[in-house]
Amino acid sequence: MNKQQKQNMILVIVTLLLLFSPALYHTFSTKAQEREDRTTAFYTSFISIVQSWDQLLSQTDDQNPEAIAMFEAYKYLLFVNDRLQYLVDDFPRMEKDLAVLKNDFFLLKYNFAILVSDRIENRPGFNEQALRMIKQQVRLFLDQAPENYDNSNAFRKELIQAAEHISQLSNIDFSAKP
C-alpha cells in the first residue's frame, strides 16, 4: 500500500466513524436513559411500599395489636424486602451502600416475625416497645429518605443516612417480655 492509499483508507475510516457516531451516541444514551428510568421506577416502588407499610403499622395498636393486622404488616415487610432486592439488583453503583440496608431489612423481617408469632399465639408479655420502636424508626426512615431517585452523591448520602434508622432496629430485643 502506498502513502496515498493509506491516507484514503484513514479518510474513509474517519468518515465512517463520523457518520455512525451519532447513532452510537444515541444508542448508548438511550440505554443509559432506560436504565435510569428503570432504577427510578424501582426506587419509587420501594419507597411506595415502605409508605404503605408505615400506614399499616400506624393503624396497628401498640399495646394489643390484632393478629391479622400484625400478619398483614408482616406481608408488607416481605414485599419491602422484595422491592429493595430489585433496587439492589438494578443499581450496581450503590450495591455496597444498599447491602447494609438490605441486610437490616432482612434481619427486621425475621425479628418482626417474632412479634407476629407472639401475637398469633397470644403469648403473654407482647413486646409493645419493640413494635413502637419499629413504627418510629420506619417513620424516621421515610422522613429522611429522598422522595425521588437521583443519580447523585447527595442522593446516596441521604439514603444512607435514612437507612441508619432501620439499622437501629437490629439492636433491640423482639421477644415477649414475661
Protein backbone atom coordinates (compact mmCIF):
# COMPACT_ATOMS: atom_id res chain seq x y z
CA MET A 1 0.00 0.00 0.00
CA ASN A 2 1.38 3.34 -0.93
CA LYS A 3 1.07 6.54 1.00
CA GLN A 4 -1.95 7.81 -0.97
CA GLN A 5 -3.90 4.59 -0.37
CA LYS A 6 -3.15 4.71 3.37
CA GLN A 7 -4.39 8.28 3.53
CA ASN A 8 -7.55 7.36 1.63
CA MET A 9 -8.17 4.39 3.95
CA ILE A 10 -7.76 6.58 7.04
CA LEU A 11 -10.06 9.18 5.48
CA VAL A 12 -12.73 6.53 4.81
CA ILE A 13 -12.48 5.17 8.36
CA VAL A 14 -12.70 8.63 9.91
CA THR A 15 -15.67 9.48 7.67
CA LEU A 16 -17.46 6.27 8.65
CA LEU A 17 -16.84 6.94 12.32
CA LEU A 18 -18.21 10.45 11.96
CA LEU A 19 -21.26 9.13 10.14
CA PHE A 20 -22.01 6.43 12.70
CA SER A 21 -21.05 8.29 15.87
CA PRO A 22 -24.46 9.99 16.30
CA ALA A 23 -26.17 6.62 16.01
CA LEU A 24 -23.78 5.07 18.53
CA TYR A 25 -24.17 8.01 20.87
CA HIS A 26 -27.95 7.79 20.59
CA THR A 27 -27.88 4.04 21.29
CA PHE A 28 -25.70 4.41 24.38
CA SER A 29 -27.58 7.44 25.71
CA THR A 30 -30.92 5.67 25.16
CA LYS A 31 -29.70 2.64 27.10
CA ALA A 32 -28.43 4.88 29.89
CA GLN A 33 -31.78 6.69 30.00
CA GLU A 34 -33.66 3.37 30.06
CA ARG A 35 -31.52 2.20 32.98
CA GLU A 36 -32.10 5.50 34.77
CA ASP A 37 -35.86 5.20 34.22
CA ARG A 38 -35.87 1.60 35.47
CA THR A 39 -33.89 2.49 38.59
CA THR A 40 -36.26 5.41 39.21
CA ALA A 41 -39.23 3.05 38.93
CA PHE A 42 -37.65 0.54 41.33
CA TYR A 43 -36.79 3.24 43.87
CA THR A 44 -40.27 4.76 43.63
CA SER A 45 -41.79 1.32 44.10
CA PHE A 46 -39.56 0.65 47.12
CA ILE A 47 -40.44 3.94 48.82
CA SER A 48 -44.11 3.48 47.98
CA ILE A 49 -44.31 0.05 49.62
CA VAL A 50 -42.42 1.33 52.69
CA GLN A 51 -45.01 4.14 52.90
CA SER A 52 -47.83 1.61 52.65
CA TRP A 53 -46.19 -0.49 55.36
CA ASP A 54 -45.82 2.61 57.53
CA GLN A 55 -49.52 3.44 57.09
CA LEU A 56 -50.48 -0.10 58.02
CA LEU A 57 -48.20 -0.01 61.07
CA SER A 58 -49.65 3.31 62.18
CA GLN A 59 -53.11 1.73 62.27
CA THR A 60 -51.86 -1.09 64.46
CA ASP A 61 -52.49 -0.74 68.19
CA ASP A 62 -49.18 -0.83 70.10
CA GLN A 63 -50.46 -2.45 73.24
CA ASN A 64 -52.84 -5.04 71.86
CA PRO A 65 -52.47 -5.42 68.10
CA GLU A 66 -54.73 -7.85 66.34
CA ALA A 67 -53.03 -10.96 64.95
CA ILE A 68 -54.47 -10.30 61.48
CA ALA A 69 -53.11 -6.72 61.44
CA MET A 70 -49.68 -7.96 62.52
CA PHE A 71 -49.71 -10.63 59.81
CA GLU A 72 -50.71 -8.04 57.18
CA ALA A 73 -47.85 -5.82 58.33
CA TYR A 74 -45.50 -8.80 58.04
CA LYS A 75 -46.65 -9.43 54.45
CA TYR A 76 -45.89 -5.81 53.61
CA LEU A 77 -42.44 -6.17 55.15
CA LEU A 78 -41.81 -9.16 52.88
CA PHE A 79 -42.79 -7.01 49.92
CA VAL A 80 -40.47 -4.23 51.14
CA ASN A 81 -37.63 -6.75 51.07
CA ASP A 82 -38.57 -7.85 47.54
CA ARG A 83 -38.70 -4.27 46.24
CA LEU A 84 -35.35 -3.50 47.85
CA GLN A 85 -33.84 -6.57 46.19
CA TYR A 86 -34.99 -5.30 42.78
CA LEU A 87 -33.40 -1.95 43.52
CA VAL A 88 -30.11 -3.54 44.63
CA ASP A 89 -30.01 -5.75 41.53
CA ASP A 90 -30.60 -2.79 39.25
CA PHE A 91 -28.32 -0.29 40.96
CA PRO A 92 -24.81 -1.81 40.99
CA ARG A 93 -23.17 1.55 41.69
CA MET A 94 -24.78 1.59 45.15
CA GLU A 95 -24.69 -2.14 45.79
CA LYS A 96 -22.31 -1.78 48.75
CA ASP A 97 -24.33 1.06 50.28
CA LEU A 98 -27.63 -0.73 49.78
CA ALA A 99 -26.21 -4.00 51.11
CA VAL A 100 -26.38 -2.65 54.66
CA LEU A 101 -29.99 -1.52 54.23
CA LYS A 102 -30.85 -4.84 52.59
CA ASN A 103 -29.30 -6.76 55.48
CA ASP A 104 -31.09 -4.60 58.05
CA PHE A 105 -34.48 -5.14 56.40
CA PHE A 106 -33.67 -8.84 56.11
CA LEU A 107 -32.98 -9.03 59.86
CA LEU A 108 -36.07 -6.95 60.58
CA LYS A 109 -38.14 -9.44 58.61
CA TYR A 110 -37.13 -12.26 60.94
CA ASN A 111 -37.36 -10.18 64.09
CA PHE A 112 -40.79 -8.87 63.12
CA ALA A 113 -41.87 -12.48 62.62
CA ILE A 114 -41.22 -12.98 66.35
CA LEU A 115 -43.74 -10.24 67.14
CA VAL A 116 -46.25 -11.70 64.71
CA SER A 117 -45.81 -15.17 66.18
CA ASP A 118 -46.24 -13.81 69.70
CA ARG A 119 -49.48 -12.13 68.68
CA ILE A 120 -50.85 -15.10 66.74
CA GLU A 121 -50.10 -17.47 69.62
CA ASN A 122 -51.36 -14.84 72.06
CA ARG A 123 -48.28 -15.13 74.24
CA PRO A 124 -48.30 -13.03 77.38
CA GLY A 125 -45.87 -10.13 77.55
CA PHE A 126 -46.18 -8.94 73.94
CA ASN A 127 -43.24 -6.60 73.28
CA GLU A 128 -45.16 -3.41 72.57
CA GLN A 129 -41.98 -1.37 72.97
CA ALA A 130 -40.41 -3.19 70.00
CA LEU A 131 -43.48 -2.51 67.86
CA ARG A 132 -43.45 1.15 68.90
CA MET A 133 -39.74 1.38 68.04
CA ILE A 134 -40.35 -0.15 64.59
CA LYS A 135 -43.10 2.37 63.88
CA GLN A 136 -40.91 5.24 64.99
CA GLN A 137 -37.81 4.20 63.03
CA VAL A 138 -39.75 3.43 59.85
CA ARG A 139 -41.37 6.88 60.06
CA LEU A 140 -37.94 8.49 60.56
CA PHE A 141 -36.55 6.48 57.64
CA LEU A 142 -39.32 7.77 55.37
CA ASP A 143 -38.91 11.34 56.61
CA GLN A 144 -35.21 11.33 55.72
CA ALA A 145 -35.17 9.13 52.61
CA PRO A 146 -35.12 11.05 49.34
CA GLU A 147 -38.57 11.24 47.76
CA ASN A 148 -37.30 10.70 44.24
CA TYR A 149 -34.37 8.86 42.75
CA ASP A 150 -31.46 10.97 41.61
CA ASN A 151 -28.20 9.55 40.32
CA SER A 152 -26.04 11.75 42.55
CA ASN A 153 -23.82 11.59 45.60
CA ALA A 154 -26.29 13.74 47.53
CA PHE A 155 -28.99 11.13 46.92
CA ARG A 156 -26.67 8.35 48.10
CA LYS A 157 -25.78 10.25 51.26
CA GLU A 158 -29.42 10.99 52.10
CA LEU A 159 -30.44 7.38 51.58
CA ILE A 160 -27.53 6.04 53.66
CA GLN A 161 -28.36 8.49 56.44
CA ALA A 162 -32.03 7.48 56.37
CA ALA A 163 -31.04 3.80 56.40
CA GLU A 164 -29.37 4.28 59.79
CA HIS A 165 -32.87 4.36 61.32
CA ILE A 166 -33.54 0.84 60.10
CA SER A 167 -30.10 -0.25 61.35
CA GLN A 168 -31.05 0.81 64.87
CA LEU A 169 -33.78 -1.84 64.88
CA SER A 170 -31.22 -4.64 64.81
CA ASN A 171 -30.18 -3.70 68.35
CA ILE A 172 -33.50 -4.30 70.10
CA ASP A 173 -34.93 -7.44 71.64
CA PHE A 174 -38.15 -8.52 69.94
CA SER A 175 -39.06 -11.43 72.18
CA ALA A 176 -42.04 -11.37 74.52
CA LYS A 177 -41.44 -9.94 77.98
CA PRO A 178 -42.80 -12.24 80.73
